[in-house]
Structure formats: structure tokens, C-alpha cells
Amino acid sequence: MRKPLSLYHPALYALRVWQRRLFRTFGWHVSRRRYARLGACREHLPYRHIKHTSKLIRRLGDSDLALQYNKVVNLRLAVACMDGVTIAPGEYFSFCRLLGRPSRARGFVDGMELSFGKARQGVGGGICQLSNLIHWMALHSPLQLVERANHSFDPFPDEGRVLPFGSGAAIFYNFVDLVLYNPTQASFQLRLKVAEHQLEGELLSDTERAVRYHVYQKHHRFVREGGEVLRINEIWRDIREKGHQGALLVAQCLYRNRVRVMYPVAEAQIEEPCAP
């Protein structure tokens, strides 16, 4: 596959990023969508749909642990931009629109970014942990995913993974975004906090949850293909009536992941391609 022209020189890449950011910003201004804003009143809505936490500091391969601690700085700034935001009926939630551009002038520091098949440092790196958490909670609600991206490679072996592989939401300000839409008559609210050891989140609502959700993976495997090892799985969601024995209402495949693996995998775990 031919590389895009923007990848042949850093200046061309920077110009392409600037162009795409400009187009996205212009699109926000002319869009007829109503976007959720962070208001002055942040009273808690009364009903919890889901609560989730994720560990702040994790060993990721041989990466610099200092970038993990810098990530916590970036997460605190990002949480301040959207903790308490309410998504009213008919409104859209845009992670990047609420966040604003991460910059050193705003206090963001170098954290870990995943880009071009590598883990590298960049200003604001690590805030994907927040978008991952919000995305996971949204999957356990009636909120609709309008825009979501996943990384095209798997950089690190699993260590302390809680959520299924490929269930996250990548962010690159501002054209790789997480966008949700509220199609219901209820309002939803995000409560977010950077605690001592964990990133904490709750999705609240002004109405009780009518159903229950279960999100899980199927058909997970490693496959050798064309000299590369790929990681493959499917992310599924079951929606059931409330109650322990609630009837299954919907079973849907949300995502099919197929990405390059960037670390050694034991031969016993790799499936060979089927002969033609």
C-alpha cells in the first residue's frame, strides 16, 4: 500500500495535521448539532447506570515509567474539562471539543502516545485512558457511538488487562475523537475523578436503567499472516431485561478487531493460516 504523501516528511505531516484540525474546528462551528457543554451547575443526577475504574500506573513492556506518572498529570487536566458534563436529550458529546487542545501552556506534559506502530512521547499523552473509560461506560447505556477509533496495532502484551482487547477509544486532537449521541428522553451525566491509584468514572442519569448490559469478547486469537502476527477478536454486547434471569433482548457484534502485534508472541499461541 502506498504511503500518504504527508508521511514522507515531518513538515508535510505537520501541515496535514494542521489542515485536518482546522477542518474539524470549522465543522464544529457550522454544525447544527447541539454539543454538551460543561455548565456551572454540576449536581449529581440520581441514578447510576455504571461505575468503572482503571489503574493509573501499569508496567507497559519496557516503556519509560516516568511517562506513566506524567500521564496522571494530563488525566487530571482532562478530567477537569468534562467532570460533571450532562448530555441532554438530542445532544452530542465530543471528547475533543470539551478537552480543547492539549498544550504545554495549559499544563499538559509529555506522556505516552501510540502512533505509527510505536509508543512514543508527546504532549498530552495518556489521555486515551479517560476516553477508554468513557467509551466503556457508554457501551453500557443507550448512548449511541457516532465516532470512535481504535489503534491499528497492539503495542504491549497483556499485563493486568481488565477490559477486552480492542474495546478502547483512541484520541488524537481533534480529528480522532470520541463522539456520543443521546437519542433518548433522559439526560446522562459523567462523573470523573483521578484518585490516588485509579481513574474513576460513573455514568449517571435522571431516570432508572430499564435494561442491563453485558459487553464481552468472542473468537480471540493470534494469527500469522504474511510474515506478521495479527491479534483478532470481536466485541459483543448483550442487552437483557433487568433481573438476574432477565430475557435476552439483543445480542450484537459491536466491533471486529484485526491489528498487528508489535511484541513477541509464544509460538504455541499463534494459529497458522489455513491452506488454500
Protein backbone atom coordinates (compact mmCIF):
# COMPACT_ATOMS: atom_id res chain seq x y z
CA MET A 1 0.00 0.00 0.00
CA ARG A 2 1.40 3.41 -0.97
CA LYS A 3 2.14 5.74 1.95
CA PRO A 4 0.23 9.04 2.12
CA LEU A 5 2.29 12.00 0.90
CA SER A 6 2.16 13.52 4.40
CA LEU A 7 4.32 10.69 5.80
CA TYR A 8 7.33 11.37 3.59
CA HIS A 9 8.50 14.45 5.51
CA PRO A 10 7.77 15.79 9.03
CA ALA A 11 6.81 19.20 7.62
CA LEU A 12 4.22 17.62 5.31
CA TYR A 13 2.82 15.59 8.20
CA ALA A 14 2.57 18.70 10.41
CA LEU A 15 0.83 20.57 7.60
CA ARG A 16 -1.67 17.73 7.14
CA VAL A 17 -2.42 17.63 10.88
CA TRP A 18 -2.93 21.41 10.92
CA GLN A 19 -5.27 21.13 7.94
CA ARG A 20 -7.38 18.38 9.47
CA ARG A 21 -7.61 20.22 12.78
CA LEU A 22 -8.72 23.36 11.00
CA PHE A 23 -11.42 21.46 9.09
CA ARG A 24 -12.70 19.84 12.30
CA THR A 25 -12.80 23.15 14.17
CA PHE A 26 -14.66 24.77 11.29
CA GLY A 27 -17.07 21.86 11.26
CA TRP A 28 -17.83 22.35 14.94
CA HIS A 29 -18.72 26.00 14.33
CA VAL A 30 -21.05 25.40 11.37
CA SER A 31 -22.63 22.17 12.62
CA ARG A 32 -26.29 22.13 13.60
CA ARG A 33 -25.53 19.58 16.29
CA ARG A 34 -26.11 20.60 19.89
CA TYR A 35 -22.97 19.69 21.82
CA ALA A 36 -22.89 19.08 25.56
CA ARG A 37 -21.11 21.82 27.49
CA LEU A 38 -19.65 21.87 30.96
CA GLY A 39 -22.04 24.05 32.95
CA ALA A 40 -21.60 25.83 36.24
CA CYS A 41 -24.16 23.57 37.97
CA ARG A 42 -22.77 20.07 38.44
CA GLU A 43 -25.26 18.46 40.82
CA HIS A 44 -25.28 14.68 40.63
CA LEU A 45 -28.10 13.04 38.71
CA PRO A 46 -29.85 10.48 40.94
CA TYR A 47 -29.50 7.13 39.13
CA ARG A 48 -26.28 5.26 38.37
CA HIS A 49 -26.06 3.30 35.12
CA ILE A 50 -22.50 2.05 35.58
CA LYS A 51 -19.35 2.70 37.58
CA HIS A 52 -15.89 1.76 36.33
CA THR A 53 -12.29 2.26 37.45
CA SER A 54 -8.91 1.70 35.81
CA LYS A 55 -5.46 1.51 37.33
CA LEU A 56 -3.35 4.62 36.79
CA ILE A 57 0.18 3.18 36.78
CA ARG A 58 0.81 -0.03 34.83
CA ARG A 59 4.02 -1.51 33.51
CA LEU A 60 3.75 -1.47 29.72
CA GLY A 61 6.55 -3.51 28.20
CA ASP A 62 9.88 -1.71 28.58
CA SER A 63 8.38 1.78 28.26
CA ASP A 64 9.61 4.66 30.43
CA LEU A 65 7.67 4.56 33.69
CA ALA A 66 8.08 8.34 34.05
CA LEU A 67 5.63 8.76 31.17
CA GLN A 68 3.04 6.87 33.23
CA TYR A 69 3.39 9.38 36.05
CA ASN A 70 3.21 12.25 33.57
CA LYS A 71 0.01 10.69 32.25
CA VAL A 72 -1.60 11.25 35.65
CA VAL A 73 -0.90 14.99 35.31
CA ASN A 74 -2.58 15.00 31.90
CA LEU A 75 -5.55 13.00 33.16
CA ARG A 76 -6.20 15.46 35.98
CA LEU A 77 -6.35 18.31 33.47
CA ALA A 78 -8.58 16.34 31.10
CA VAL A 79 -10.97 15.29 33.88
CA ALA A 80 -11.37 18.93 34.92
CA CYS A 81 -12.61 19.68 31.38
CA MET A 82 -15.50 17.21 31.49
CA ASP A 83 -16.31 16.03 35.02
CA GLY A 84 -19.99 16.70 35.61
CA VAL A 85 -20.93 17.29 31.98
CA THR A 86 -24.56 16.42 31.23
CA ILE A 87 -25.66 15.07 27.85
CA ALA A 88 -29.27 16.18 27.44
CA PRO A 89 -31.77 14.53 25.06
CA GLY A 90 -30.72 15.16 21.47
CA GLU A 91 -27.24 16.39 22.44
CA TYR A 92 -23.82 15.15 21.31
CA PHE A 93 -20.78 14.58 23.50
CA SER A 94 -17.39 15.31 21.87
CA PHE A 95 -14.33 14.37 23.91
CA CYS A 96 -12.01 16.66 21.93
CA ARG A 97 -14.40 19.60 21.92
CA LEU A 98 -14.63 19.54 25.71
CA LEU A 99 -10.93 18.83 26.19
CA GLY A 100 -9.52 21.56 23.97
CA ARG A 101 -6.05 21.26 22.53
CA PRO A 102 -3.53 19.79 24.99
CA SER A 103 -0.57 22.16 25.20
CA ARG A 104 2.32 22.96 27.49
CA ALA A 105 0.81 26.40 28.06
CA ARG A 106 -2.23 24.71 29.63
CA GLY A 107 -0.03 22.50 31.83
CA PHE A 108 -0.04 19.30 29.79
CA VAL A 109 3.23 17.34 29.83
CA ASP A 110 4.84 14.56 27.81
CA GLY A 111 3.06 11.25 28.18
CA MET A 112 2.89 8.10 26.10
CA GLU A 113 1.27 8.23 22.65
CA LEU A 114 0.69 5.32 20.29
CA SER A 115 1.39 6.36 16.72
CA PHE A 116 2.83 4.87 13.51
CA GLY A 117 3.22 1.46 15.10
CA LYS A 118 5.25 2.75 18.06
CA ALA A 119 4.85 4.00 21.60
CA ARG A 120 6.44 7.44 21.84
CA GLN A 121 6.17 10.54 24.00
CA GLY A 122 4.01 13.52 23.17
CA VAL A 123 2.33 16.45 24.91
CA GLY A 124 -0.93 15.28 26.47
CA GLY A 125 -0.06 11.61 26.03
CA GLY A 126 -2.06 9.15 28.12
CA ILE A 127 -5.47 10.83 27.99
CA CYS A 128 -6.74 7.87 25.97
CA GLN A 129 -7.19 6.16 29.33
CA LEU A 130 -10.01 8.62 30.00
CA SER A 131 -11.60 8.18 26.57
CA ASN A 132 -11.35 4.40 27.03
CA LEU A 133 -13.21 4.64 30.34
CA ILE A 134 -15.94 6.90 28.94
CA HIS A 135 -16.37 4.68 25.89
CA TRP A 136 -16.70 1.56 28.08
CA MET A 137 -19.39 3.20 30.21
CA ALA A 138 -21.24 4.42 27.11
CA LEU A 139 -21.43 0.83 25.85
CA HIS A 140 -23.45 0.07 28.99
CA SER A 141 -26.08 2.68 28.19
CA PRO A 142 -28.47 3.78 25.43
CA LEU A 143 -25.96 6.42 24.26
CA GLN A 144 -25.06 5.90 20.61
CA LEU A 145 -21.48 5.78 19.32
CA VAL A 146 -21.21 8.31 16.49
CA GLU A 147 -17.44 8.40 16.18
CA ARG A 148 -14.81 6.15 17.70
CA ALA A 149 -11.38 4.94 16.58
CA ASN A 150 -9.16 2.12 17.72
CA HIS A 151 -5.40 1.76 17.37
CA SER A 152 -4.24 -0.16 14.30
CA PHE A 153 -1.64 -2.13 16.26
CA ASP A 154 -1.20 -3.88 19.60
CA PRO A 155 1.92 -2.41 21.25
CA PHE A 156 2.23 -4.31 24.54
CA PRO A 157 1.48 -7.78 25.90
CA ASP A 158 -1.39 -8.02 28.34
CA GLU A 159 -0.44 -7.25 31.92
CA GLY A 160 -3.27 -6.51 34.30
CA ARG A 161 -5.78 -6.05 31.47
CA VAL A 162 -9.36 -5.82 32.75
CA LEU A 163 -11.36 -4.84 29.67
CA PRO A 164 -11.45 -6.92 26.48
CA PHE A 165 -8.75 -6.17 23.93
CA GLY A 166 -9.91 -3.66 21.32
CA SER A 167 -12.67 -2.10 23.41
CA GLY A 168 -10.98 1.29 23.82
CA ALA A 169 -11.27 4.64 22.05
CA ALA A 170 -8.18 6.36 20.64
CA ILE A 171 -7.87 10.16 20.73
CA PHE A 172 -5.69 12.49 18.68
CA TYR A 173 -6.77 16.09 18.98
CA ASN A 174 -9.03 16.98 17.36
CA PHE A 175 -9.83 14.82 14.34
CA VAL A 176 -9.60 11.43 16.06
CA ASP A 177 -12.44 11.90 18.51
CA LEU A 178 -14.93 10.06 20.68
CA VAL A 179 -18.42 11.32 19.88
CA LEU A 180 -21.62 10.10 21.56
CA TYR A 181 -25.25 10.95 20.86
CA ASN A 182 -28.17 10.84 23.28
CA PRO A 183 -31.26 9.60 21.37
CA THR A 184 -33.39 9.17 24.50
CA GLN A 185 -35.63 11.44 26.56
CA ALA A 186 -33.33 11.02 29.57
CA SER A 187 -30.27 13.06 30.50
CA PHE A 188 -26.92 11.41 31.21
CA GLN A 189 -24.03 12.74 33.27
CA LEU A 190 -20.35 11.83 33.54
CA ARG A 191 -18.72 11.91 36.95
CA LEU A 192 -14.94 11.51 36.72
CA LYS A 193 -12.11 11.54 39.23
CA VAL A 194 -8.38 10.88 39.37
CA ALA A 195 -7.96 9.14 42.71
CA GLU A 196 -4.72 8.08 44.36
CA HIS A 197 -4.28 4.86 42.40
CA GLN A 198 -7.20 4.74 39.96
CA LEU A 199 -9.11 6.69 37.38
CA GLU A 200 -12.75 6.56 38.44
CA GLY A 201 -15.89 7.13 36.43
CA GLU A 202 -19.66 6.96 36.81
CA LEU A 203 -22.40 7.36 34.23
CA LEU A 204 -25.48 8.81 35.92
CA SER A 205 -28.98 9.55 34.64
CA ASP A 206 -32.19 11.24 35.71
CA THR A 207 -34.14 8.01 35.01
CA GLU A 208 -33.61 4.46 36.21
CA ARG A 209 -31.89 1.98 33.94
CA ALA A 210 -34.53 -0.04 32.07
CA VAL A 211 -32.26 -2.92 30.95
CA ARG A 212 -28.86 -4.37 31.79
CA TYR A 213 -25.83 -4.67 29.53
CA HIS A 214 -23.00 -7.17 29.21
CA VAL A 215 -20.01 -6.41 26.97
CA TYR A 216 -17.53 -9.18 26.21
CA GLN A 217 -15.18 -10.58 23.56
CA LYS A 218 -15.51 -13.61 21.29
CA HIS A 219 -13.17 -15.52 18.95
CA HIS A 220 -9.96 -14.08 20.38
CA ARG A 221 -6.79 -15.45 18.75
CA PHE A 222 -3.35 -14.68 17.33
CA VAL A 223 -2.85 -15.50 13.65
CA ARG A 224 0.27 -15.46 11.47
CA GLU A 225 -0.31 -13.79 8.15
CA GLY A 226 2.21 -12.56 5.57
CA GLY A 227 5.12 -12.65 7.98
CA GLU A 228 3.22 -10.70 10.66
CA VAL A 229 1.29 -11.77 13.73
CA LEU A 230 -2.22 -10.37 13.98
CA ARG A 231 -4.48 -10.18 17.01
CA ILE A 232 -8.12 -10.81 16.20
CA ASN A 233 -11.30 -10.70 18.25
CA GLU A 234 -14.89 -9.49 18.28
CA ILE A 235 -16.55 -7.24 20.85
CA TRP A 236 -20.16 -8.19 21.57
CA ARG A 237 -22.91 -6.65 23.68
CA ASP A 238 -25.93 -8.39 25.18
CA ILE A 239 -28.91 -6.29 26.28
CA ARG A 240 -31.22 -8.06 28.70
CA GLU A 241 -34.27 -7.34 30.78
CA LYS A 242 -33.42 -6.29 34.30
CA GLY A 243 -33.04 -9.03 36.87
CA HIS A 244 -30.67 -11.96 37.29
CA GLN A 245 -32.61 -14.14 34.85
CA GLY A 246 -33.61 -11.32 32.51
CA ALA A 247 -34.52 -12.40 28.98
CA LEU A 248 -32.05 -11.60 26.19
CA LEU A 249 -33.40 -8.71 24.10
CA VAL A 250 -30.47 -8.02 21.75
CA ALA A 251 -27.11 -9.65 21.04
CA GLN A 252 -24.97 -7.50 18.75
CA CYS A 253 -21.42 -7.54 17.46
CA LEU A 254 -20.04 -4.05 18.01
CA TYR A 255 -16.51 -4.32 16.64
CA ARG A 256 -14.30 -6.75 14.76
CA ASN A 257 -10.63 -6.09 15.58
CA ARG A 258 -7.72 -7.19 13.39
CA VAL A 259 -4.43 -5.48 14.26
CA ARG A 260 -0.68 -6.06 14.03
CA VAL A 261 1.10 -7.31 17.13
CA MET A 262 4.30 -5.41 17.98
CA TYR A 263 5.74 -7.77 20.62
CA PRO A 264 6.85 -11.43 20.64
CA VAL A 265 4.05 -13.98 20.99
CA ALA A 266 4.70 -17.58 22.07
CA GLU A 267 4.54 -19.92 19.08
CA ALA A 268 2.03 -22.13 20.87
CA GLN A 269 -0.44 -19.22 20.90
CA ILE A 270 -0.22 -18.46 17.17
CA GLU A 271 -2.58 -20.05 14.68
CA GLU A 272 -1.15 -20.72 11.25
CA PRO A 273 -3.20 -19.61 8.23
CA CYS A 274 -5.35 -22.27 6.63
CA ALA A 275 -4.01 -23.79 3.41
CA PRO A 276 -5.85 -22.56 0.29
